[in-house]
Amino acid sequence: GDLILQEPLFKGLKQKYPNSEIHVLINDQFLQVQSITKSVDRWWGFPRKKFQDQIVEKPSKHQKAFSDLTEIINSIKVENFDIVYNFTNNYLSAQLMNLLDIKEKKGAHFIGGRKNEPRNRWEDYLNEHFSQINGSLFNYADVLGRALEIPVSTQECRRMGELGPIYLQTLTSDSKKNWGLKNFAQLKEKLKNRWPQRKVMVLSSPDEKHIIRDHFDDDEILVLNLAEVQQCLKTASLLISGDTSLIHLADQENCPTLVRYRDW
C-alpha cells in the first residue's frame, strides 16, 4: 500500500529532475508493484526475508548474509547515483543509506554515527507522527513530499459514474481490518436493489477466492492481479473497501472510494 501511495512522489521526482533516471529499492516480495507504476525506470529487490532467515534462524549463515548484502550494495554503487532519497524513514533504511557512497542524501540517514538533523519542520513532523504510532492530520505522501522537497500534485476525485461497475474489496492482509464477508454480502444486496442497472462485483486474489465464494456466487467474483485491478478502477463508479492497498490505487486512478477503517 505504501508503494502505491508513493506513486505521486515518483512522478514529482520526474517533474523536479526531468532528465533523471529513477531507481527504487524495495523488499523483493513487493516487486509485483512494478506492473502498475510507470514513473520508475528500474526496480531493485532487497531480499529482507532471506536475510532475516539467515541471521535469526540460521546463525551459521551470518557470513553469507554479509557477503550477499555487500554484493547488493556494490551493485548499487556501480550505478553512480547523484541523489538518494529514503522514503521509509526507519532504522534499517537509514543504515542502508549509510552504506551508500552518494554525495547528496535526503531523508533519514546517519552522519558520523548519529542520525541526521531534520532539514525542515515537515521532516520533524514525519519523525513525530509516522515513525511512531501517532495520528496525523495530513496525508503521508503529502508530508513525505514536503519533508523531502518533492512536488506532489493532487487531483479532484471524479463523481460516481452513471453505469460503471461497483467493486467490493472484502478482505485485507490484516484480519483486524476486515469488516466481515457477511456484512459485505448484505451490502451487495442493498447496492443491487438501489442500482439494479449496475454490476456489483467482488475483487479477489487467487488465494482469497476459496474464502469469498462461501458468501458470493462465482460469477460475482473477479480474480485479478494488480495491473488488471488498475484497469477496472479506471471505469469504476465506486470502490468500497477496507483499509488496504487498493484504496491508494483507486486514488491514483481518480476512482470514487468508500473506505471502512477499523475501530481503534
C-alpha atoms as a PDB file:
ATOM      1  CA  GLY A   1       0.000   0.000   0.000  1.00  0.00           C
ATOM      2  CA  ASP A   2       2.782   2.457   0.862  1.00  0.00           C
ATOM      3  CA  LEU A   3       4.446   1.855  -2.510  1.00  0.00           C
ATOM      4  CA  ILE A   4       1.239   2.654  -4.389  1.00  0.00           C
ATOM      5  CA  LEU A   5       0.718   5.689  -2.156  1.00  0.00           C
ATOM      6  CA  GLN A   6       4.193   6.914  -3.126  1.00  0.00           C
ATOM      7  CA  GLU A   7       3.482   6.984  -6.878  1.00  0.00           C
ATOM      8  CA  PRO A   8       2.896  10.806  -6.813  1.00  0.00           C
ATOM      9  CA  LEU A   9       6.371  11.156  -5.275  1.00  0.00           C
ATOM     10  CA  PHE A  10       7.954   9.236  -8.159  1.00  0.00           C
ATOM     11  CA  LYS A  11       6.073  11.496 -10.583  1.00  0.00           C
ATOM     12  CA  GLY A  12       7.225  14.511  -8.575  1.00  0.00           C
ATOM     13  CA  LEU A  13      10.851  13.437  -8.917  1.00  0.00           C
ATOM     14  CA  LYS A  14      10.407  13.180 -12.690  1.00  0.00           C
ATOM     15  CA  GLN A  15       8.949  16.684 -12.638  1.00  0.00           C
ATOM     16  CA  LYS A  16      11.783  18.041 -10.481  1.00  0.00           C
ATOM     17  CA  TYR A  17      14.513  16.232 -12.440  1.00  0.00           C
ATOM     18  CA  PRO A  18      13.022  15.819 -15.954  1.00  0.00           C
ATOM     19  CA  ASN A  19      16.104  14.117 -17.442  1.00  0.00           C
ATOM     20  CA  SER A  20      16.689  11.800 -14.497  1.00  0.00           C
ATOM     21  CA  GLU A  21      16.599   8.028 -14.285  1.00  0.00           C
ATOM     22  CA  ILE A  22      14.759   6.835 -11.174  1.00  0.00           C
ATOM     23  CA  HIS A  23      15.647   3.544  -9.467  1.00  0.00           C
ATOM     24  CA  VAL A  24      13.745   2.200  -6.443  1.00  0.00           C
ATOM     25  CA  LEU A  25      14.979  -0.378  -3.919  1.00  0.00           C
ATOM     26  CA  ILE A  26      12.149  -2.295  -2.190  1.00  0.00           C
ATOM     27  CA  ASN A  27      11.663  -5.584  -0.351  1.00  0.00           C
ATOM     28  CA  ASP A  28      11.598  -8.207  -3.086  1.00  0.00           C
ATOM     29  CA  GLN A  29       8.219  -9.691  -2.070  1.00  0.00           C
ATOM     30  CA  PHE A  30       6.576  -6.468  -3.306  1.00  0.00           C
ATOM     31  CA  LEU A  31       8.152  -6.338  -6.762  1.00  0.00           C
ATOM     32  CA  GLN A  32       4.772  -7.043  -8.385  1.00  0.00           C
ATOM     33  CA  VAL A  33       4.022  -3.344  -7.865  1.00  0.00           C
ATOM     34  CA  GLN A  34       6.246  -2.556 -10.857  1.00  0.00           C
ATOM     35  CA  SER A  35       3.392  -3.632 -13.155  1.00  0.00           C
ATOM     36  CA  ILE A  36       1.280  -0.635 -12.078  1.00  0.00           C
ATOM     37  CA  THR A  37       3.940   2.059 -11.545  1.00  0.00           C
ATOM     38  CA  LYS A  38       5.116   3.849 -14.681  1.00  0.00           C
ATOM     39  CA  SER A  39       7.366   6.575 -13.263  1.00  0.00           C
ATOM     40  CA  VAL A  40      10.198   4.261 -12.159  1.00  0.00           C
ATOM     41  CA  ASP A  41      12.924   3.262 -14.614  1.00  0.00           C
ATOM     42  CA  ARG A  42      14.321   0.312 -12.650  1.00  0.00           C
ATOM     43  CA  TRP A  43      13.324  -1.688  -9.571  1.00  0.00           C
ATOM     44  CA  TRP A  44      15.784  -3.367  -7.228  1.00  0.00           C
ATOM     45  CA  GLY A  45      14.703  -6.225  -4.959  1.00  0.00           C
ATOM     46  CA  PHE A  46      16.046  -6.308  -1.405  1.00  0.00           C
ATOM     47  CA  PRO A  47      15.762  -9.891  -0.002  1.00  0.00           C
ATOM     48  CA  ARG A  48      14.906  -8.819   3.530  1.00  0.00           C
ATOM     49  CA  LYS A  49      13.152 -12.057   4.493  1.00  0.00           C
ATOM     50  CA  LYS A  50      16.103 -14.128   3.289  1.00  0.00           C
ATOM     51  CA  PHE A  51      18.490 -12.016   5.351  1.00  0.00           C
ATOM     52  CA  GLN A  52      16.255 -12.364   8.415  1.00  0.00           C
ATOM     53  CA  ASP A  53      16.174 -16.143   7.991  1.00  0.00           C
ATOM     54  CA  GLN A  54      19.950 -16.292   7.599  1.00  0.00           C
ATOM     55  CA  ILE A  55      20.629 -14.118  10.641  1.00  0.00           C
ATOM     56  CA  VAL A  56      17.894 -15.242  13.045  1.00  0.00           C
ATOM     57  CA  GLU A  57      17.133 -18.850  12.144  1.00  0.00           C
ATOM     58  CA  LYS A  58      20.499 -19.962  10.755  1.00  0.00           C
ATOM     59  CA  PRO A  59      23.371 -18.374  12.711  1.00  0.00           C
ATOM     60  CA  SER A  60      25.877 -20.324  10.621  1.00  0.00           C
ATOM     61  CA  LYS A  61      24.772 -18.231   7.593  1.00  0.00           C
ATOM     62  CA  HIS A  62      25.789 -14.855   9.043  1.00  0.00           C
ATOM     63  CA  GLN A  63      28.804 -14.588   6.747  1.00  0.00           C
ATOM     64  CA  LYS A  64      26.671 -15.480   3.702  1.00  0.00           C
ATOM     65  CA  ALA A  65      24.160 -12.755   4.635  1.00  0.00           C
ATOM     66  CA  PHE A  66      27.005 -10.256   4.948  1.00  0.00           C
ATOM     67  CA  SER A  67      28.500 -11.186   1.567  1.00  0.00           C
ATOM     68  CA  ASP A  68      25.066 -11.076  -0.131  1.00  0.00           C
ATOM     69  CA  LEU A  69      24.365  -7.637   1.333  1.00  0.00           C
ATOM     70  CA  THR A  70      27.798  -6.425   0.244  1.00  0.00           C
ATOM     71  CA  GLU A  71      27.079  -7.628  -3.290  1.00  0.00           C
ATOM     72  CA  ILE A  72      23.798  -5.680  -3.413  1.00  0.00           C
ATOM     73  CA  ILE A  73      25.402  -2.509  -2.066  1.00  0.00           C
ATOM     74  CA  ASN A  74      28.306  -2.766  -4.529  1.00  0.00           C
ATOM     75  CA  SER A  75      25.858  -3.244  -7.423  1.00  0.00           C
ATOM     76  CA  ILE A  76      24.065  -0.048  -6.401  1.00  0.00           C
ATOM     77  CA  LYS A  77      27.344   1.867  -6.047  1.00  0.00           C
ATOM     78  CA  VAL A  78      28.308   0.970  -9.614  1.00  0.00           C
ATOM     79  CA  GLU A  79      25.322   2.992 -10.867  1.00  0.00           C
ATOM     80  CA  ASN A  80      26.947   6.233  -9.591  1.00  0.00           C
ATOM     81  CA  PHE A  81      23.724   7.844  -8.385  1.00  0.00           C
ATOM     82  CA  ASP A  82      23.620  11.609  -7.809  1.00  0.00           C
ATOM     83  CA  ILE A  83      20.927  11.662  -5.110  1.00  0.00           C
ATOM     84  CA  VAL A  84      19.387   9.042  -2.826  1.00  0.00           C
ATOM     85  CA  TYR A  85      16.057   9.508  -1.017  1.00  0.00           C
ATOM     86  CA  ASN A  86      14.855   7.499   1.978  1.00  0.00           C
ATOM     87  CA  PHE A  87      11.077   7.119   1.714  1.00  0.00           C
ATOM     88  CA  THR A  88      10.638   4.601   4.553  1.00  0.00           C
ATOM     89  CA  ASN A  89      12.142   6.551   7.455  1.00  0.00           C
ATOM     90  CA  ASN A  90      13.128   3.577   9.620  1.00  0.00           C
ATOM     91  CA  TYR A  91      16.351   2.316  11.218  1.00  0.00           C
ATOM     92  CA  LEU A  92      17.121  -0.330   8.566  1.00  0.00           C
ATOM     93  CA  SER A  93      16.718   2.054   5.646  1.00  0.00           C
ATOM     94  CA  ALA A  94      18.816   4.698   7.459  1.00  0.00           C
ATOM     95  CA  GLN A  95      21.606   2.126   7.899  1.00  0.00           C
ATOM     96  CA  LEU A  96      21.394   1.200   4.215  1.00  0.00           C
ATOM     97  CA  MET A  97      21.693   4.898   3.333  1.00  0.00           C
ATOM     98  CA  ASN A  98      24.850   4.972   5.434  1.00  0.00           C
ATOM     99  CA  LEU A  99      26.439   2.228   3.292  1.00  0.00           C
ATOM    100  CA  LEU A 100      25.970   4.148   0.044  1.00  0.00           C
ATOM    101  CA  ASP A 101      28.724   6.488  -1.191  1.00  0.00           C
ATOM    102  CA  ILE A 102      26.336   9.030  -2.653  1.00  0.00           C
ATOM    103  CA  LYS A 103      27.059  12.731  -2.230  1.00  0.00           C
ATOM    104  CA  GLU A 104      23.512  14.000  -1.655  1.00  0.00           C
ATOM    105  CA  LYS A 105      21.259  12.107   0.766  1.00  0.00           C
ATOM    106  CA  LYS A 106      17.712  13.143   1.662  1.00  0.00           C
ATOM    107  CA  GLY A 107      15.658  11.559   4.412  1.00  0.00           C
ATOM    108  CA  ALA A 108      16.757   9.526   7.419  1.00  0.00           C
ATOM    109  CA  HIS A 109      20.462   8.573   7.401  1.00  0.00           C
ATOM    110  CA  PHE A 110      23.459   8.667   9.708  1.00  0.00           C
ATOM    111  CA  ILE A 111      26.308  11.184   9.820  1.00  0.00           C
ATOM    112  CA  GLY A 112      29.285  10.209  11.962  1.00  0.00           C
ATOM    113  CA  GLY A 113      27.221   7.550  13.725  1.00  0.00           C
ATOM    114  CA  ARG A 114      24.387   9.955  14.567  1.00  0.00           C
ATOM    115  CA  LYS A 115      21.044  10.343  12.837  1.00  0.00           C
ATOM    116  CA  ASN A 116      20.931  13.398  10.596  1.00  0.00           C
ATOM    117  CA  GLU A 117      19.158  16.516  11.804  1.00  0.00           C
ATOM    118  CA  PRO A 118      15.805  17.280  10.122  1.00  0.00           C
ATOM    119  CA  ARG A 119      16.121  19.783   7.268  1.00  0.00           C
ATOM    120  CA  ASN A 120      12.719  21.367   7.872  1.00  0.00           C
ATOM    121  CA  ARG A 121       9.638  21.268  10.100  1.00  0.00           C
ATOM    122  CA  TRP A 122       7.917  18.757   7.858  1.00  0.00           C
ATOM    123  CA  GLU A 123      10.733  16.267   8.393  1.00  0.00           C
ATOM    124  CA  ASP A 124      10.250  16.832  12.136  1.00  0.00           C
ATOM    125  CA  TYR A 125       6.552  16.103  11.671  1.00  0.00           C
ATOM    126  CA  LEU A 126       7.360  12.953   9.691  1.00  0.00           C
ATOM    127  CA  ASN A 127       9.536  11.666  12.540  1.00  0.00           C
ATOM    128  CA  GLU A 128       6.958  12.562  15.180  1.00  0.00           C
ATOM    129  CA  HIS A 129       3.896  11.088  13.504  1.00  0.00           C
ATOM    130  CA  PHE A 130       4.990   8.319  11.139  1.00  0.00           C
ATOM    131  CA  SER A 131       7.975   6.776  12.904  1.00  0.00           C
ATOM    132  CA  GLN A 132       5.685   6.033  15.847  1.00  0.00           C
ATOM    133  CA  ILE A 133       2.040   5.032  16.179  1.00  0.00           C
ATOM    134  CA  ASN A 134       0.630   8.551  16.250  1.00  0.00           C
ATOM    135  CA  GLY A 135      -2.267  10.024  14.340  1.00  0.00           C
ATOM    136  CA  SER A 136      -1.661  12.568  11.605  1.00  0.00           C
ATOM    137  CA  LEU A 137      -3.675  15.491  10.309  1.00  0.00           C
ATOM    138  CA  PHE A 138      -2.017  15.187   6.907  1.00  0.00           C
ATOM    139  CA  ASN A 139      -1.688  12.580   4.180  1.00  0.00           C
ATOM    140  CA  TYR A 140       1.518  10.523   4.368  1.00  0.00           C
ATOM    141  CA  ALA A 141       2.565  11.213   0.770  1.00  0.00           C
ATOM    142  CA  ASP A 142       1.990  14.954   1.214  1.00  0.00           C
ATOM    143  CA  VAL A 143       4.109  15.018   4.391  1.00  0.00           C
ATOM    144  CA  LEU A 144       6.871  12.967   2.762  1.00  0.00           C
ATOM    145  CA  GLY A 145       6.854  15.211  -0.304  1.00  0.00           C
ATOM    146  CA  ARG A 146       7.159  18.381   1.769  1.00  0.00           C
ATOM    147  CA  ALA A 147       9.794  16.846   4.057  1.00  0.00           C
ATOM    148  CA  LEU A 148      11.960  15.769   1.102  1.00  0.00           C
ATOM    149  CA  GLU A 149      11.103  18.797  -1.074  1.00  0.00           C
ATOM    150  CA  ILE A 150       9.420  16.772  -3.825  1.00  0.00           C
ATOM    151  CA  PRO A 151       6.440  18.368  -5.636  1.00  0.00           C
ATOM    152  CA  VAL A 152       3.258  16.323  -5.160  1.00  0.00           C
ATOM    153  CA  SER A 153       0.272  17.087  -7.376  1.00  0.00           C
ATOM    154  CA  THR A 154      -3.305  16.485  -6.249  1.00  0.00           C
ATOM    155  CA  GLN A 155      -6.486  15.887  -8.199  1.00  0.00           C
ATOM    156  CA  GLU A 156     -10.181  16.003  -7.522  1.00  0.00           C
ATOM    157  CA  CYS A 157     -11.953  12.669  -7.350  1.00  0.00           C
ATOM    158  CA  ARG A 158     -14.365  12.176 -10.234  1.00  0.00           C
ATOM    159  CA  ARG A 159     -18.051  11.862  -9.430  1.00  0.00           C
ATOM    160  CA  MET A 160     -19.706   8.486  -9.138  1.00  0.00           C
ATOM    161  CA  GLY A 161     -20.399   7.433 -12.727  1.00  0.00           C
ATOM    162  CA  GLU A 162     -23.792   6.522 -14.126  1.00  0.00           C
ATOM    163  CA  LEU A 163     -23.151   2.985 -15.333  1.00  0.00           C
ATOM    164  CA  GLY A 164     -19.682   1.951 -14.177  1.00  0.00           C
ATOM    165  CA  PRO A 165     -19.407  -1.163 -12.004  1.00  0.00           C
ATOM    166  CA  ILE A 166     -19.226  -1.020  -8.220  1.00  0.00           C
ATOM    167  CA  TYR A 167     -16.350  -3.082  -6.832  1.00  0.00           C
ATOM    168  CA  LEU A 168     -16.103  -4.540  -3.356  1.00  0.00           C
ATOM    169  CA  GLN A 169     -12.718  -5.336  -1.816  1.00  0.00           C
ATOM    170  CA  THR A 170     -13.856  -7.549   1.044  1.00  0.00           C
ATOM    171  CA  LEU A 171     -10.576  -8.743   2.579  1.00  0.00           C
ATOM    172  CA  THR A 172      -7.353  -7.099   3.754  1.00  0.00           C
ATOM    173  CA  SER A 173      -3.988  -8.507   4.773  1.00  0.00           C
ATOM    174  CA  ASP A 174      -4.818  -7.730   8.417  1.00  0.00           C
ATOM    175  CA  SER A 175      -7.808  -9.635   9.793  1.00  0.00           C
ATOM    176  CA  LYS A 176      -8.404  -6.872  12.365  1.00  0.00           C
ATOM    177  CA  LYS A 177      -9.232  -4.511   9.483  1.00  0.00           C
ATOM    178  CA  ASN A 178     -11.827  -6.829   7.934  1.00  0.00           C
ATOM    179  CA  TRP A 179     -15.478  -5.835   8.184  1.00  0.00           C
ATOM    180  CA  GLY A 180     -16.745  -9.377   7.611  1.00  0.00           C
ATOM    181  CA  LEU A 181     -17.862 -11.185   4.451  1.00  0.00           C
ATOM    182  CA  LYS A 182     -21.413 -11.483   5.754  1.00  0.00           C
ATOM    183  CA  ASN A 183     -21.636  -7.706   6.084  1.00  0.00           C
ATOM    184  CA  PHE A 184     -20.296  -7.222   2.563  1.00  0.00           C
ATOM    185  CA  ALA A 185     -22.789  -9.765   1.208  1.00  0.00           C
ATOM    186  CA  GLN A 186     -25.657  -7.824   2.794  1.00  0.00           C
ATOM    187  CA  LEU A 187     -24.245  -4.577   1.415  1.00  0.00           C
ATOM    188  CA  LYS A 188     -24.044  -6.094  -2.067  1.00  0.00           C
ATOM    189  CA  GLU A 189     -27.777  -6.898  -1.988  1.00  0.00           C
ATOM    190  CA  LYS A 190     -28.615  -3.357  -0.871  1.00  0.00           C
ATOM    191  CA  LEU A 191     -26.498  -1.896  -3.673  1.00  0.00           C
ATOM    192  CA  LYS A 192     -28.150  -4.100  -6.297  1.00  0.00           C
ATOM    193  CA  ASN A 193     -31.588  -3.099  -5.042  1.00  0.00           C
ATOM    194  CA  ARG A 194     -30.615   0.577  -5.088  1.00  0.00           C
ATOM    195  CA  TRP A 195     -28.919   0.469  -8.527  1.00  0.00           C
ATOM    196  CA  PRO A 196     -30.272  -2.579 -10.397  1.00  0.00           C
ATOM    197  CA  GLN A 197     -28.658  -1.420 -13.657  1.00  0.00           C
ATOM    198  CA  ARG A 198     -25.126  -1.560 -12.245  1.00  0.00           C
ATOM    199  CA  LYS A 199     -22.834  -4.527 -11.845  1.00  0.00           C
ATOM    200  CA  VAL A 200     -21.645  -5.160  -8.293  1.00  0.00           C
ATOM    201  CA  MET A 201     -18.506  -7.275  -8.350  1.00  0.00           C
ATOM    202  CA  VAL A 202     -16.144  -8.626  -5.688  1.00  0.00           C
ATOM    203  CA  LEU A 203     -12.395  -8.294  -6.225  1.00  0.00           C
ATOM    204  CA  SER A 204     -10.243 -11.240  -5.206  1.00  0.00           C
ATOM    205  CA  SER A 205      -6.714 -12.562  -5.380  1.00  0.00           C
ATOM    206  CA  PRO A 206      -6.277 -16.260  -6.323  1.00  0.00           C
ATOM    207  CA  ASP A 207      -5.552 -17.112  -2.676  1.00  0.00           C
ATOM    208  CA  GLU A 208      -8.759 -15.461  -1.430  1.00  0.00           C
ATOM    209  CA  LYS A 209     -11.351 -16.922  -3.783  1.00  0.00           C
ATOM    210  CA  HIS A 210     -11.994 -20.107  -1.771  1.00  0.00           C
ATOM    211  CA  ILE A 211     -12.889 -17.923   1.226  1.00  0.00           C
ATOM    212  CA  ILE A 212     -15.002 -15.389  -0.646  1.00  0.00           C
ATOM    213  CA  ARG A 213     -17.077 -17.930  -2.578  1.00  0.00           C
ATOM    214  CA  ASP A 214     -18.760 -19.015   0.677  1.00  0.00           C
ATOM    215  CA  HIS A 215     -20.673 -15.716   0.579  1.00  0.00           C
ATOM    216  CA  PHE A 216     -20.742 -14.756  -3.127  1.00  0.00           C
ATOM    217  CA  ASP A 217     -21.527 -16.535  -6.399  1.00  0.00           C
ATOM    218  CA  ASP A 218     -18.649 -17.387  -8.719  1.00  0.00           C
ATOM    219  CA  ASP A 219     -19.946 -15.025 -11.419  1.00  0.00           C
ATOM    220  CA  GLU A 220     -19.748 -12.141  -8.926  1.00  0.00           C
ATOM    221  CA  ILE A 221     -16.058 -12.718  -8.108  1.00  0.00           C
ATOM    222  CA  LEU A 222     -13.231 -11.268 -10.201  1.00  0.00           C
ATOM    223  CA  VAL A 223      -9.834 -12.893  -9.641  1.00  0.00           C
ATOM    224  CA  LEU A 224      -7.332 -10.265 -10.837  1.00  0.00           C
ATOM    225  CA  ASN A 225      -3.724  -9.186 -10.500  1.00  0.00           C
ATOM    226  CA  LEU A 226      -2.786  -5.600  -9.609  1.00  0.00           C
ATOM    227  CA  ALA A 227      -2.458  -4.435 -13.216  1.00  0.00           C
ATOM    228  CA  GLU A 228      -5.909  -5.848 -14.057  1.00  0.00           C
ATOM    229  CA  VAL A 229      -7.463  -4.205 -10.990  1.00  0.00           C
ATOM    230  CA  GLN A 230      -5.907  -0.910 -12.054  1.00  0.00           C
ATOM    231  CA  GLN A 231      -7.682  -1.129 -15.419  1.00  0.00           C
ATOM    232  CA  CYS A 232     -11.008  -1.903 -13.728  1.00  0.00           C
ATOM    233  CA  LEU A 233     -10.724   1.126 -11.447  1.00  0.00           C
ATOM    234  CA  LYS A 234     -10.317   3.469 -14.418  1.00  0.00           C
ATOM    235  CA  THR A 235     -14.013   2.993 -15.288  1.00  0.00           C
ATOM    236  CA  ALA A 236     -15.467   2.005 -11.894  1.00  0.00           C
ATOM    237  CA  SER A 237     -18.230   4.137 -10.435  1.00  0.00           C
ATOM    238  CA  LEU A 238     -17.219   3.227  -6.878  1.00  0.00           C
ATOM    239  CA  LEU A 239     -14.795   1.085  -4.857  1.00  0.00           C
ATOM    240  CA  ILE A 240     -15.884   0.006  -1.382  1.00  0.00           C
ATOM    241  CA  SER A 241     -13.014  -1.412   0.612  1.00  0.00           C
ATOM    242  CA  GLY A 242     -11.312  -1.939   3.919  1.00  0.00           C
ATOM    243  CA  ASP A 243      -8.054  -0.174   4.727  1.00  0.00           C
ATOM    244  CA  THR A 244      -5.859  -1.880   2.149  1.00  0.00           C
ATOM    245  CA  SER A 245      -3.563  -1.081  -0.761  1.00  0.00           C
ATOM    246  CA  LEU A 246      -6.371  -0.867  -3.337  1.00  0.00           C
ATOM    247  CA  ILE A 247      -7.673   2.384  -1.852  1.00  0.00           C
ATOM    248  CA  HIS A 248      -4.361   4.012  -2.806  1.00  0.00           C
ATOM    249  CA  LEU A 249      -4.537   2.501  -6.283  1.00  0.00           C
ATOM    250  CA  ALA A 250      -8.095   3.838  -6.632  1.00  0.00           C
ATOM    251  CA  ASP A 251      -6.861   7.267  -5.629  1.00  0.00           C
ATOM    252  CA  GLN A 252      -4.229   7.173  -8.374  1.00  0.00           C
ATOM    253  CA  GLU A 253      -6.964   6.324 -10.888  1.00  0.00           C
ATOM    254  CA  ASN A 254      -9.261   9.095  -9.593  1.00  0.00           C
ATOM    255  CA  CYS A 255     -11.882   6.494  -8.624  1.00  0.00           C
ATOM    256  CA  PRO A 256     -14.560   7.363  -6.010  1.00  0.00           C
ATOM    257  CA  THR A 257     -13.835   5.300  -2.907  1.00  0.00           C
ATOM    258  CA  LEU A 258     -15.651   4.460   0.312  1.00  0.00           C
ATOM    259  CA  VAL A 259     -13.304   3.075   2.967  1.00  0.00           C
ATOM    260  CA  ARG A 260     -14.248   1.226   6.142  1.00  0.00           C
ATOM    261  CA  TYR A 261     -11.491   1.786   8.706  1.00  0.00           C
ATOM    262  CA  ARG A 262     -11.302  -0.488  11.701  1.00  0.00           C
ATOM    263  CA  ASP A 263     -12.470   0.729  15.106  1.00  0.00           C
ATOM    264  CA  TRP A 264      -9.485   1.732  17.229  1.00  0.00           C
END
